[in-house]
Full PDB file with SEQRES, HELIX, SHEET, SSBOND, CRYST1, ORIGX, SCALE, CONECT and MASTER records, all heavy atoms in Angstrom:
SEQRES   1 A   43  PRO VAL VAL VAL GLU ASN ARG GLN GLY GLU ARG THR THR          
SEQRES   2 A   43  CYS VAL VAL GLY PHE PRO ILE ARG PRO SER GLU GLU MET          
SEQRES   3 A   43  ALA ALA ALA LEU VAL ARG GLN GLN LEU GLY MET GLY VAL          
SEQRES   4 A   43  ALA VAL PRO ASP                                              
HELIX    1 AA1 GLU A   24  GLN A   34  1                                  11    
SHEET    1 AA1 2 VAL A   2  GLU A   5  0                                        
SHEET    2 AA1 2 ARG A  11  CYS A  14 -1                                        
CRYST1    1.000    1.000    1.000  90.00  90.00  90.00 P 1           1          
ORIGX1      1.000000  0.000000  0.000000        0.00000                         
ORIGX2      0.000000  1.000000  0.000000        0.00000                         
ORIGX3      0.000000  0.000000  1.000000        0.00000                         
SCALE1      1.000000  0.000000  0.000000        0.00000                         
SCALE2      0.000000  1.000000  0.000000        0.00000                         
SCALE3      0.000000  0.000000  1.000000        0.00000                         
ATOM      1  N   PRO A   1     -88.099  -0.964 -14.762  1.00  0.00           N  
ATOM      2  CA  PRO A   1     -88.336   0.429 -14.379  1.00  0.00           C  
ATOM      3  C   PRO A   1     -87.037   1.221 -14.468  1.00  0.00           C  
ATOM      4  O   PRO A   1     -85.970   0.752 -14.070  1.00  0.00           O  
ATOM      5  CB  PRO A   1     -88.813   0.312 -12.918  1.00  0.00           C  
ATOM      6  CG  PRO A   1     -88.218  -0.972 -12.415  1.00  0.00           C  
ATOM      7  CD  PRO A   1     -88.087  -1.880 -13.614  1.00  0.00           C  
ATOM      8  N   VAL A   2     -87.138   2.401 -15.025  1.00  0.00           N  
ATOM      9  CA  VAL A   2     -85.988   3.303 -15.134  1.00  0.00           C  
ATOM     10  C   VAL A   2     -86.415   4.636 -14.510  1.00  0.00           C  
ATOM     11  O   VAL A   2     -87.415   5.230 -14.922  1.00  0.00           O  
ATOM     12  CB  VAL A   2     -85.567   3.512 -16.606  1.00  0.00           C  
ATOM     13  CG1 VAL A   2     -84.399   4.489 -16.688  1.00  0.00           C  
ATOM     14  CG2 VAL A   2     -85.198   2.186 -17.243  1.00  0.00           C  
ATOM     15  N   VAL A   3     -85.683   5.069 -13.518  1.00  0.00           N  
ATOM     16  CA  VAL A   3     -86.018   6.313 -12.795  1.00  0.00           C  
ATOM     17  C   VAL A   3     -85.117   7.429 -13.275  1.00  0.00           C  
ATOM     18  O   VAL A   3     -83.892   7.293 -13.294  1.00  0.00           O  
ATOM     19  CB  VAL A   3     -85.864   6.119 -11.269  1.00  0.00           C  
ATOM     20  CG1 VAL A   3     -86.259   7.385 -10.523  1.00  0.00           C  
ATOM     21  CG2 VAL A   3     -86.678   4.924 -10.784  1.00  0.00           C  
ATOM     22  N   VAL A   4     -85.741   8.534 -13.670  1.00  0.00           N  
ATOM     23  CA  VAL A   4     -85.017   9.727 -14.079  1.00  0.00           C  
ATOM     24  C   VAL A   4     -85.503  10.910 -13.244  1.00  0.00           C  
ATOM     25  O   VAL A   4     -86.602  10.886 -12.701  1.00  0.00           O  
ATOM     26  CB  VAL A   4     -85.173  10.039 -15.589  1.00  0.00           C  
ATOM     27  CG1 VAL A   4     -84.547   8.964 -16.443  1.00  0.00           C  
ATOM     28  CG2 VAL A   4     -86.631  10.245 -15.957  1.00  0.00           C  
ATOM     29  N   GLU A   5     -84.665  11.924 -13.156  1.00  0.00           N  
ATOM     30  CA  GLU A   5     -85.007  13.125 -12.392  1.00  0.00           C  
ATOM     31  C   GLU A   5     -84.776  14.331 -13.278  1.00  0.00           C  
ATOM     32  O   GLU A   5     -83.752  14.419 -13.955  1.00  0.00           O  
ATOM     33  CB  GLU A   5     -84.111  13.184 -11.153  1.00  0.00           C  
ATOM     34  CG  GLU A   5     -84.392  14.357 -10.234  1.00  0.00           C  
ATOM     35  CD  GLU A   5     -83.490  14.296  -9.012  1.00  0.00           C  
ATOM     36  OE1 GLU A   5     -82.264  14.543  -9.166  1.00  0.00           O  
ATOM     37  OE2 GLU A   5     -84.009  14.005  -7.928  1.00  0.00           O  
ATOM     38  N   ASN A   6     -85.726  15.270 -13.257  1.00  0.00           N  
ATOM     39  CA  ASN A   6     -85.548  16.485 -14.081  1.00  0.00           C  
ATOM     40  C   ASN A   6     -84.854  17.568 -13.264  1.00  0.00           C  
ATOM     41  O   ASN A   6     -84.513  17.363 -12.091  1.00  0.00           O  
ATOM     42  CB  ASN A   6     -86.880  16.964 -14.654  1.00  0.00           C  
ATOM     43  CG  ASN A   6     -87.858  17.464 -13.613  1.00  0.00           C  
ATOM     44  OD1 ASN A   6     -87.506  17.711 -12.458  1.00  0.00           O  
ATOM     45  ND2 ASN A   6     -89.113  17.588 -13.982  1.00  0.00           N  
ATOM     46  N   ARG A   7     -84.645  18.720 -13.883  1.00  0.00           N  
ATOM     47  CA  ARG A   7     -83.911  19.805 -13.211  1.00  0.00           C  
ATOM     48  C   ARG A   7     -84.598  20.326 -11.953  1.00  0.00           C  
ATOM     49  O   ARG A   7     -83.946  20.867 -11.074  1.00  0.00           O  
ATOM     50  CB  ARG A   7     -83.731  20.978 -14.200  1.00  0.00           C  
ATOM     51  CG  ARG A   7     -82.754  20.683 -15.289  1.00  0.00           C  
ATOM     52  CD  ARG A   7     -82.535  21.910 -16.167  1.00  0.00           C  
ATOM     53  NE  ARG A   7     -81.559  21.605 -17.199  1.00  0.00           N  
ATOM     54  CZ  ARG A   7     -81.788  21.724 -18.497  1.00  0.00           C  
ATOM     55  NH1 ARG A   7     -82.951  22.172 -18.921  1.00  0.00           N  
ATOM     56  NH2 ARG A   7     -80.858  21.413 -19.357  1.00  0.00           N  
ATOM     57  N   GLN A   8     -85.911  20.177 -11.899  1.00  0.00           N  
ATOM     58  CA  GLN A   8     -86.656  20.633 -10.718  1.00  0.00           C  
ATOM     59  C   GLN A   8     -86.672  19.610  -9.591  1.00  0.00           C  
ATOM     60  O   GLN A   8     -87.238  19.834  -8.539  1.00  0.00           O  
ATOM     61  CB  GLN A   8     -88.112  20.961 -11.116  1.00  0.00           C  
ATOM     62  CG  GLN A   8     -88.263  22.174 -12.012  1.00  0.00           C  
ATOM     63  CD  GLN A   8     -87.892  21.877 -13.458  1.00  0.00           C  
ATOM     64  OE1 GLN A   8     -88.077  20.774 -13.961  1.00  0.00           O  
ATOM     65  NE2 GLN A   8     -87.348  22.866 -14.137  1.00  0.00           N  
ATOM     66  N   GLY A   9     -86.027  18.468  -9.817  1.00  0.00           N  
ATOM     67  CA  GLY A   9     -85.954  17.426  -8.799  1.00  0.00           C  
ATOM     68  C   GLY A   9     -87.124  16.458  -8.815  1.00  0.00           C  
ATOM     69  O   GLY A   9     -87.236  15.606  -7.959  1.00  0.00           O  
ATOM     70  N   GLU A  10     -88.006  16.578  -9.812  1.00  0.00           N  
ATOM     71  CA  GLU A  10     -89.143  15.672  -9.924  1.00  0.00           C  
ATOM     72  C   GLU A  10     -88.683  14.371 -10.559  1.00  0.00           C  
ATOM     73  O   GLU A  10     -88.001  14.370 -11.592  1.00  0.00           O  
ATOM     74  CB  GLU A  10     -90.246  16.297 -10.794  1.00  0.00           C  
ATOM     75  CG  GLU A  10     -90.780  17.577 -10.215  1.00  0.00           C  
ATOM     76  CD  GLU A  10     -91.610  18.369 -11.221  1.00  0.00           C  
ATOM     77  OE1 GLU A  10     -91.459  18.165 -12.453  1.00  0.00           O  
ATOM     78  OE2 GLU A  10     -92.400  19.200 -10.783  1.00  0.00           O  
ATOM     79  N   ARG A  11     -89.075  13.278  -9.949  1.00  0.00           N  
ATOM     80  CA  ARG A  11     -88.662  11.961 -10.455  1.00  0.00           C  
ATOM     81  C   ARG A  11     -89.784  11.344 -11.276  1.00  0.00           C  
ATOM     82  O   ARG A  11     -90.960  11.475 -10.930  1.00  0.00           O  
ATOM     83  CB  ARG A  11     -88.299  11.043  -9.298  1.00  0.00           C  
ATOM     84  CG  ARG A  11     -87.044  11.502  -8.612  1.00  0.00           C  
ATOM     85  CD  ARG A  11     -86.639  10.590  -7.504  1.00  0.00           C  
ATOM     86  NE  ARG A  11     -85.377  11.074  -6.928  1.00  0.00           N  
ATOM     87  CZ  ARG A  11     -84.684  10.417  -6.065  1.00  0.00           C  
ATOM     88  NH1 ARG A  11     -85.091   9.235  -5.636  1.00  0.00           N  
ATOM     89  NH2 ARG A  11     -83.555  10.933  -5.588  1.00  0.00           N  
ATOM     90  N   THR A  12     -89.399  10.673 -12.328  1.00  0.00           N  
ATOM     91  CA  THR A  12     -90.330   9.974 -13.204  1.00  0.00           C  
ATOM     92  C   THR A  12     -89.824   8.558 -13.390  1.00  0.00           C  
ATOM     93  O   THR A  12     -88.631   8.335 -13.590  1.00  0.00           O  
ATOM     94  CB  THR A  12     -90.390  10.658 -14.595  1.00  0.00           C  
ATOM     95  OG1 THR A  12     -90.791  12.019 -14.423  1.00  0.00           O  
ATOM     96  CG2 THR A  12     -91.354   9.953 -15.512  1.00  0.00           C  
ATOM     97  N   THR A  13     -90.733   7.595 -13.290  1.00  0.00           N  
ATOM     98  CA  THR A  13     -90.384   6.207 -13.555  1.00  0.00           C  
ATOM     99  C   THR A  13     -90.986   5.811 -14.897  1.00  0.00           C  
ATOM    100  O   THR A  13     -92.192   5.904 -15.093  1.00  0.00           O  
ATOM    101  CB  THR A  13     -90.910   5.268 -12.453  1.00  0.00           C  
ATOM    102  OG1 THR A  13     -90.363   5.679 -11.207  1.00  0.00           O  
ATOM    103  CG2 THR A  13     -90.526   3.831 -12.724  1.00  0.00           C  
ATOM    104  N   CYS A  14     -90.128   5.401 -15.810  1.00  0.00           N  
ATOM    105  CA  CYS A  14     -90.553   4.913 -17.119  1.00  0.00           C  
ATOM    106  C   CYS A  14     -90.329   3.418 -17.133  1.00  0.00           C  
ATOM    107  O   CYS A  14     -89.342   2.927 -16.584  1.00  0.00           O  
ATOM    108  CB  CYS A  14     -89.716   5.564 -18.219  1.00  0.00           C  
ATOM    109  SG  CYS A  14     -89.880   7.358 -18.308  1.00  0.00           S  
ATOM    110  N   VAL A  15     -91.219   2.701 -17.778  1.00  0.00           N  
ATOM    111  CA  VAL A  15     -91.054   1.257 -17.909  1.00  0.00           C  
ATOM    112  C   VAL A  15     -90.605   0.971 -19.338  1.00  0.00           C  
ATOM    113  O   VAL A  15     -91.265   1.388 -20.294  1.00  0.00           O  
ATOM    114  CB  VAL A  15     -92.363   0.511 -17.603  1.00  0.00           C  
ATOM    115  CG1 VAL A  15     -92.199  -0.986 -17.798  1.00  0.00           C  
ATOM    116  CG2 VAL A  15     -92.816   0.822 -16.190  1.00  0.00           C  
ATOM    117  N   VAL A  16     -89.454   0.333 -19.467  1.00  0.00           N  
ATOM    118  CA  VAL A  16     -88.913   0.039 -20.798  1.00  0.00           C  
ATOM    119  C   VAL A  16     -88.863  -1.474 -21.006  1.00  0.00           C  
ATOM    120  O   VAL A  16     -88.636  -2.232 -20.086  1.00  0.00           O  
ATOM    121  CB  VAL A  16     -87.504   0.657 -20.992  1.00  0.00           C  
ATOM    122  CG1 VAL A  16     -87.561   2.175 -20.841  1.00  0.00           C  
ATOM    123  CG2 VAL A  16     -86.490   0.085 -20.030  1.00  0.00           C  
ATOM    124  N   GLY A  17     -89.114  -1.875 -22.259  1.00  0.00           N  
ATOM    125  CA  GLY A  17     -89.089  -3.282 -22.603  1.00  0.00           C  
ATOM    126  C   GLY A  17     -87.775  -3.630 -23.310  1.00  0.00           C  
ATOM    127  O   GLY A  17     -87.397  -2.964 -24.266  1.00  0.00           O  
ATOM    128  N   PHE A  18     -87.127  -4.668 -22.813  1.00  0.00           N  
ATOM    129  CA  PHE A  18     -85.864  -5.092 -23.379  1.00  0.00           C  
ATOM    130  C   PHE A  18     -85.613  -6.530 -22.895  1.00  0.00           C  
ATOM    131  O   PHE A  18     -85.954  -6.854 -21.765  1.00  0.00           O  
ATOM    132  CB  PHE A  18     -84.723  -4.168 -22.923  1.00  0.00           C  
ATOM    133  CG  PHE A  18     -83.545  -4.129 -23.840  1.00  0.00           C  
ATOM    134  CD1 PHE A  18     -83.652  -3.609 -25.110  1.00  0.00           C  
ATOM    135  CD2 PHE A  18     -82.334  -4.634 -23.442  1.00  0.00           C  
ATOM    136  CE1 PHE A  18     -82.559  -3.570 -25.969  1.00  0.00           C  
ATOM    137  CE2 PHE A  18     -81.231  -4.596 -24.272  1.00  0.00           C  
ATOM    138  CZ  PHE A  18     -81.353  -4.064 -25.547  1.00  0.00           C  
ATOM    139  N   PRO A  19     -85.026  -7.403 -23.722  1.00  0.00           N  
ATOM    140  CA  PRO A  19     -84.887  -8.810 -23.317  1.00  0.00           C  
ATOM    141  C   PRO A  19     -83.991  -9.030 -22.094  1.00  0.00           C  
ATOM    142  O   PRO A  19     -84.218  -9.952 -21.318  1.00  0.00           O  
ATOM    143  CB  PRO A  19     -84.244  -9.475 -24.536  1.00  0.00           C  
ATOM    144  CG  PRO A  19     -84.505  -8.557 -25.679  1.00  0.00           C  
ATOM    145  CD  PRO A  19     -84.616  -7.193 -25.101  1.00  0.00           C  
ATOM    146  N   ILE A  20     -82.965  -8.206 -21.922  1.00  0.00           N  
ATOM    147  CA  ILE A  20     -82.072  -8.317 -20.759  1.00  0.00           C  
ATOM    148  C   ILE A  20     -82.024  -6.971 -20.066  1.00  0.00           C  
ATOM    149  O   ILE A  20     -82.452  -5.963 -20.629  1.00  0.00           O  
ATOM    150  CB  ILE A  20     -80.653  -8.766 -21.175  1.00  0.00           C  
ATOM    151  CG1 ILE A  20     -80.037  -7.747 -22.158  1.00  0.00           C  
ATOM    152  CG2 ILE A  20     -80.662 -10.159 -21.767  1.00  0.00           C  
ATOM    153  CD1 ILE A  20     -78.580  -8.001 -22.487  1.00  0.00           C  
ATOM    154  N   ARG A  21     -81.484  -6.939 -18.860  1.00  0.00           N  
ATOM    155  CA  ARG A  21     -81.386  -5.668 -18.144  1.00  0.00           C  
ATOM    156  C   ARG A  21     -80.549  -4.703 -18.973  1.00  0.00           C  
ATOM    157  O   ARG A  21     -79.391  -4.977 -19.275  1.00  0.00           O  
ATOM    158  CB  ARG A  21     -80.737  -5.863 -16.774  1.00  0.00           C  
ATOM    159  CG  ARG A  21     -80.721  -4.586 -15.928  1.00  0.00           C  
ATOM    160  CD  ARG A  21     -80.150  -4.886 -14.553  1.00  0.00           C  
ATOM    161  NE  ARG A  21     -80.204  -3.719 -13.721  1.00  0.00           N  
ATOM    162  CZ  ARG A  21     -79.247  -2.794 -13.642  1.00  0.00           C  
ATOM    163  NH1 ARG A  21     -78.153  -2.917 -14.370  1.00  0.00           N  
ATOM    164  NH2 ARG A  21     -79.393  -1.760 -12.857  1.00  0.00           N  
ATOM    165  N   PRO A  22     -81.133  -3.557 -19.362  1.00  0.00           N  
ATOM    166  CA  PRO A  22     -80.387  -2.639 -20.219  1.00  0.00           C  
ATOM    167  C   PRO A  22     -79.269  -1.924 -19.472  1.00  0.00           C  
ATOM    168  O   PRO A  22     -79.378  -1.669 -18.284  1.00  0.00           O  
ATOM    169  CB  PRO A  22     -81.450  -1.640 -20.686  1.00  0.00           C  
ATOM    170  CG  PRO A  22     -82.527  -1.698 -19.649  1.00  0.00           C  
ATOM    171  CD  PRO A  22     -82.476  -3.086 -19.084  1.00  0.00           C  
ATOM    172  N   SER A  23     -78.212  -1.636 -20.209  1.00  0.00           N  
ATOM    173  CA  SER A  23     -77.142  -0.807 -19.645  1.00  0.00           C  
ATOM    174  C   SER A  23     -77.715   0.589 -19.426  1.00  0.00           C  
ATOM    175  O   SER A  23     -78.791   0.936 -19.921  1.00  0.00           O  
ATOM    176  CB  SER A  23     -75.966  -0.738 -20.627  1.00  0.00           C  
ATOM    177  OG  SER A  23     -76.380  -0.055 -21.809  1.00  0.00           O  
ATOM    178  N   GLU A  24     -76.993   1.433 -18.715  1.00  0.00           N  
ATOM    179  CA  GLU A  24     -77.459   2.802 -18.522  1.00  0.00           C  
ATOM    180  C   GLU A  24     -77.603   3.524 -19.869  1.00  0.00           C  
ATOM    181  O   GLU A  24     -78.539   4.285 -20.076  1.00  0.00           O  
ATOM    182  CB  GLU A  24     -76.509   3.571 -17.600  1.00  0.00           C  
ATOM    183  CG  GLU A  24     -76.640   3.145 -16.155  1.00  0.00           C  
ATOM    184  CD  GLU A  24     -75.831   4.030 -15.211  1.00  0.00           C  
ATOM    185  OE1 GLU A  24     -75.041   4.859 -15.673  1.00  0.00           O  
ATOM    186  OE2 GLU A  24     -76.037   3.876 -14.004  1.00  0.00           O  
ATOM    187  N   GLU A  25     -76.677   3.264 -20.793  1.00  0.00           N  
ATOM    188  CA  GLU A  25     -76.734   3.884 -22.117  1.00  0.00           C  
ATOM    189  C   GLU A  25     -77.990   3.456 -22.865  1.00  0.00           C  
ATOM    190  O   GLU A  25     -78.696   4.298 -23.435  1.00  0.00           O  
ATOM    191  CB  GLU A  25     -75.468   3.544 -22.898  1.00  0.00           C  
ATOM    192  CG  GLU A  25     -75.430   4.123 -24.299  1.00  0.00           C  
ATOM    193  CD  GLU A  25     -75.285   5.637 -24.342  1.00  0.00           C  
ATOM    194  OE1 GLU A  25     -75.067   6.285 -23.308  1.00  0.00           O  
ATOM    195  OE2 GLU A  25     -75.407   6.177 -25.441  1.00  0.00           O  
ATOM    196  N   MET A  26     -78.295   2.163 -22.872  1.00  0.00           N  
ATOM    197  CA  MET A  26     -79.487   1.674 -23.564  1.00  0.00           C  
ATOM    198  C   MET A  26     -80.750   2.173 -22.864  1.00  0.00           C  
ATOM    199  O   MET A  26     -81.723   2.572 -23.522  1.00  0.00           O  
ATOM    200  CB  MET A  26     -79.486   0.146 -23.624  1.00  0.00           C  
ATOM    201  CG  MET A  26     -80.724  -0.442 -24.298  1.00  0.00           C  
ATOM    202  SD  MET A  26     -80.989   0.138 -25.982  1.00  0.00           S  
ATOM    203  CE  MET A  26     -79.738  -0.761 -26.848  1.00  0.00           C  
ATOM    204  N   ALA A  27     -80.747   2.172 -21.535  1.00  0.00           N  
ATOM    205  CA  ALA A  27     -81.907   2.678 -20.794  1.00  0.00           C  
ATOM    206  C   ALA A  27     -82.155   4.152 -21.126  1.00  0.00           C  
ATOM    207  O   ALA A  27     -83.299   4.577 -21.316  1.00  0.00           O  
ATOM    208  CB  ALA A  27     -81.686   2.492 -19.288  1.00  0.00           C  
ATOM    209  N   ALA A  28     -81.092   4.930 -21.233  1.00  0.00           N  
ATOM    210  CA  ALA A  28     -81.221   6.353 -21.587  1.00  0.00           C  
ATOM    211  C   ALA A  28     -81.849   6.492 -22.967  1.00  0.00           C  
ATOM    212  O   ALA A  28     -82.699   7.338 -23.186  1.00  0.00           O  
ATOM    213  CB  ALA A  28     -79.864   7.043 -21.534  1.00  0.00           C  
ATOM    214  N   ALA A  29     -81.440   5.657 -23.908  1.00  0.00           N  
ATOM    215  CA  ALA A  29     -81.993   5.706 -25.266  1.00  0.00           C  
ATOM    216  C   ALA A  29     -83.489   5.383 -25.249  1.00  0.00           C  
ATOM    217  O   ALA A  29     -84.289   6.076 -25.882  1.00  0.00           O  
ATOM    218  CB  ALA A  29     -81.256   4.742 -26.180  1.00  0.00           C  
ATOM    219  N   LEU A  30     -83.876   4.342 -24.497  1.00  0.00           N  
ATOM    220  CA  LEU A  30     -85.283   3.937 -24.434  1.00  0.00           C  
ATOM    221  C   LEU A  30     -86.122   4.982 -23.706  1.00  0.00           C  
ATOM    222  O   LEU A  30     -87.261   5.262 -24.109  1.00  0.00           O  
ATOM    223  CB  LEU A  30     -85.385   2.565 -23.764  1.00  0.00           C  
ATOM    224  CG  LEU A  30     -84.730   1.413 -24.527  1.00  0.00           C  
ATOM    225  CD1 LEU A  30     -84.644   0.182 -23.643  1.00  0.00           C  
ATOM    226  CD2 LEU A  30     -85.475   1.120 -25.809  1.00  0.00           C  
ATOM    227  N   VAL A  31     -85.598   5.575 -22.652  1.00  0.00           N  
ATOM    228  CA  VAL A  31     -86.329   6.600 -21.899  1.00  0.00           C  
ATOM    229  C   VAL A  31     -86.482   7.870 -22.735  1.00  0.00           C  
ATOM    230  O   VAL A  31     -87.526   8.515 -22.701  1.00  0.00           O  
ATOM    231  CB  VAL A  31     -85.621   6.891 -20.557  1.00  0.00           C  
ATOM    232  CG1 VAL A  31     -86.134   8.165 -19.903  1.00  0.00           C  
ATOM    233  CG2 VAL A  31     -85.821   5.722 -19.605  1.00  0.00           C  
ATOM    234  N   ARG A  32     -85.462   8.227 -23.494  1.00  0.00           N  
ATOM    235  CA  ARG A  32     -85.565   9.408 -24.368  1.00  0.00           C  
ATOM    236  C   ARG A  32     -86.769   9.282 -25.300  1.00  0.00           C  
ATOM    237  O   ARG A  32     -87.502  10.239 -25.501  1.00  0.00           O  
ATOM    238  CB  ARG A  32     -84.287   9.574 -25.191  1.00  0.00           C  
ATOM    239  CG  ARG A  32     -83.140  10.221 -24.428  1.00  0.00           C  
ATOM    240  CD  ARG A  32     -81.865  10.279 -25.235  1.00  0.00           C  
ATOM    241  NE  ARG A  32     -82.036  10.624 -26.642  1.00  0.00           N  
ATOM    242  CZ  ARG A  32     -82.241  11.863 -27.120  1.00  0.00           C  
ATOM    243  NH1 ARG A  32     -82.296  12.861 -26.279  1.00  0.00           N  
ATOM    244  NH2 ARG A  32     -82.386  12.074 -28.419  1.00  0.00           N  
ATOM    245  N   GLN A  33     -87.007   8.102 -25.830  1.00  0.00           N  
ATOM    246  CA  GLN A  33     -88.168   7.870 -26.692  1.00  0.00           C  
ATOM    247  C   GLN A  33     -89.458   8.109 -25.917  1.00  0.00           C  
ATOM    248  O   GLN A  33     -90.365   8.757 -26.410  1.00  0.00           O  
ATOM    249  CB  GLN A  33     -88.162   6.448 -27.241  1.00  0.00           C  
ATOM    250  CG  GLN A  33     -87.128   6.212 -28.299  1.00  0.00           C  
ATOM    251  CD  GLN A  33     -87.196   4.790 -28.798  1.00  0.00           C  
ATOM    252  OE1 GLN A  33     -87.221   3.842 -27.996  1.00  0.00           O  
ATOM    253  NE2 GLN A  33     -87.229   4.635 -30.105  1.00  0.00           N  
ATOM    254  N   GLN A  34     -89.543   7.570 -24.705  1.00  0.00           N  
ATOM    255  CA  GLN A  34     -90.766   7.725 -23.904  1.00  0.00           C  
ATOM    256  C   GLN A  34     -91.009   9.166 -23.495  1.00  0.00           C  
ATOM    257  O   GLN A  34     -92.157   9.573 -23.307  1.00  0.00           O  
ATOM    258  CB  GLN A  34     -90.699   6.818 -22.669  1.00  0.00           C  
ATOM    259  CG  GLN A  34     -90.880   5.377 -23.017  1.00  0.00           C  
ATOM    260  CD  GLN A  34     -91.170   4.549 -21.781  1.00  0.00           C  
ATOM    261  OE1 GLN A  34     -91.498   5.066 -20.715  1.00  0.00           O  
ATOM    262  NE2 GLN A  34     -91.065   3.239 -21.930  1.00  0.00           N  
ATOM    263  N   LEU A  35     -89.956   9.938 -23.338  1.00  0.00           N  
ATOM    264  CA  LEU A  35     -90.102  11.345 -22.952  1.00  0.00           C  
ATOM    265  C   LEU A  35     -90.326  12.245 -24.157  1.00  0.00           C  
ATOM    266  O   LEU A  35     -90.355  13.466 -24.029  1.00  0.00           O  
ATOM    267  CB  LEU A  35     -88.876  11.802 -22.152  1.00  0.00           C  
ATOM    268  CG  LEU A  35     -88.673  11.109 -20.806  1.00  0.00           C  
ATOM    269  CD1 LEU A  35     -87.356  11.542 -20.193  1.00  0.00           C  
ATOM    270  CD2 LEU A  35     -89.838  11.395 -19.850  1.00  0.00           C  
ATOM    271  N   GLY A  36     -90.459  11.633 -25.350  1.00  0.00           N  
ATOM    272  CA  GLY A  36     -90.764  12.390 -26.547  1.00  0.00           C  
ATOM    273  C   GLY A  36     -89.572  13.044 -27.225  1.00  0.00           C  
ATOM    274  O   GLY A  36     -89.724  13.951 -28.032  1.00  0.00           O  
ATOM    275  N   MET A  37     -88.370  12.579 -26.917  1.00  0.00           N  
ATOM    276  CA  MET A  37     -87.171  13.150 -27.504  1.00  0.00           C  
ATOM    277  C   MET A  37     -86.744  12.469 -28.792  1.00  0.00           C  
ATOM    278  O   MET A  37     -85.823  12.918 -29.455  1.00  0.00           O  
ATOM    279  CB  MET A  37     -86.020  13.099 -26.490  1.00  0.00           C  
ATOM    280  CG  MET A  37     -86.247  13.918 -25.278  1.00  0.00           C  
ATOM    281  SD  MET A  37     -84.882  13.686 -24.126  1.00  0.00           S  
ATOM    282  CE  MET A  37     -85.732  13.952 -22.597  1.00  0.00           C  
ATOM    283  N   GLY A  38     -87.370  11.350 -29.127  1.00  0.00           N  
ATOM    284  CA  GLY A  38     -87.000  10.631 -30.342  1.00  0.00           C  
ATOM    285  C   GLY A  38     -85.740   9.824 -30.158  1.00  0.00           C  
ATOM    286  O   GLY A  38     -85.125   9.796 -29.099  1.00  0.00           O  
ATOM    287  N   VAL A  39     -85.345   9.167 -31.236  1.00  0.00           N  
ATOM    288  CA  VAL A  39     -84.174   8.300 -31.172  1.00  0.00           C  
ATOM    289  C   VAL A  39     -82.894   8.992 -31.622  1.00  0.00           C  
ATOM    290  O   VAL A  39     -81.796   8.562 -31.291  1.00  0.00           O  
ATOM    291  CB  VAL A  39     -84.377   7.013 -31.986  1.00  0.00           C  
ATOM    292  CG1 VAL A  39     -85.476   6.157 -31.381  1.00  0.00           C  
ATOM    293  CG2 VAL A  39     -84.703   7.323 -33.441  1.00  0.00           C  
ATOM    294  N   ALA A  40     -83.012  10.043 -32.396  1.00  0.00           N  
ATOM    295  CA  ALA A  40     -81.829  10.731 -32.909  1.00  0.00           C  
ATOM    296  C   ALA A  40     -81.132  11.519 -31.811  1.00  0.00           C  
ATOM    297  O   ALA A  40     -81.745  12.302 -31.111  1.00  0.00           O  
ATOM    298  CB  ALA A  40     -82.195  11.649 -34.063  1.00  0.00           C  
ATOM    299  N   VAL A  41     -79.839  11.285 -31.690  1.00  0.00           N  
ATOM    300  CA  VAL A  41     -79.022  12.012 -30.722  1.00  0.00           C  
ATOM    301  C   VAL A  41     -78.518  13.282 -31.432  1.00  0.00           C  
ATOM    302  O   VAL A  41     -78.158  13.231 -32.608  1.00  0.00           O  
ATOM    303  CB  VAL A  41     -77.838  11.123 -30.264  1.00  0.00           C  
ATOM    304  CG1 VAL A  41     -76.876  11.889 -29.382  1.00  0.00           C  
ATOM    305  CG2 VAL A  41     -78.366   9.898 -29.536  1.00  0.00           C  
ATOM    306  N   PRO A  42     -78.503  14.416 -30.743  1.00  0.00           N  
ATOM    307  CA  PRO A  42     -78.000  15.643 -31.378  1.00  0.00           C  
ATOM    308  C   PRO A  42     -76.607  15.448 -31.987  1.00  0.00           C  
ATOM    309  O   PRO A  42     -75.773  14.714 -31.415  1.00  0.00           O  
ATOM    310  CB  PRO A  42     -77.960  16.643 -30.224  1.00  0.00           C  
ATOM    311  CG  PRO A  42     -78.972  16.145 -29.256  1.00  0.00           C  
ATOM    312  CD  PRO A  42     -78.933  14.652 -29.367  1.00  0.00           C  
ATOM    313  N   ASP A  43     -76.374  16.089 -33.122  1.00  0.00           N  
ATOM    314  CA  ASP A  43     -75.112  15.910 -33.850  1.00  0.00           C  
ATOM    315  C   ASP A  43     -73.878  16.131 -32.991  1.00  0.00           C  
ATOM    316  O   ASP A  43     -72.902  15.400 -33.109  1.00  0.00           O  
ATOM    317  CB  ASP A  43     -75.052  16.851 -35.061  1.00  0.00           C  
ATOM    318  CG  ASP A  43     -75.975  16.398 -36.177  1.00  0.00           C  
ATOM    319  OD1 ASP A  43     -76.353  15.205 -36.194  1.00  0.00           O  
ATOM    320  OD2 ASP A  43     -76.333  17.237 -37.022  1.00  0.00           O  
TER     321      ASP A  43                                                      
MASTER        0    0    0    1    2    0    0    6  320    1    0    4          
END                                                                             
């Protein structure tokens, strides 16, 4: 489970699949996909 909070203070729990506990950086990448942001990071 990865918990994120938006600007309005609403929390969302996303479940990400990964063989080991992901770092915060990897968790952010996986959550971005679930939130519909895709994998590409802005230039």
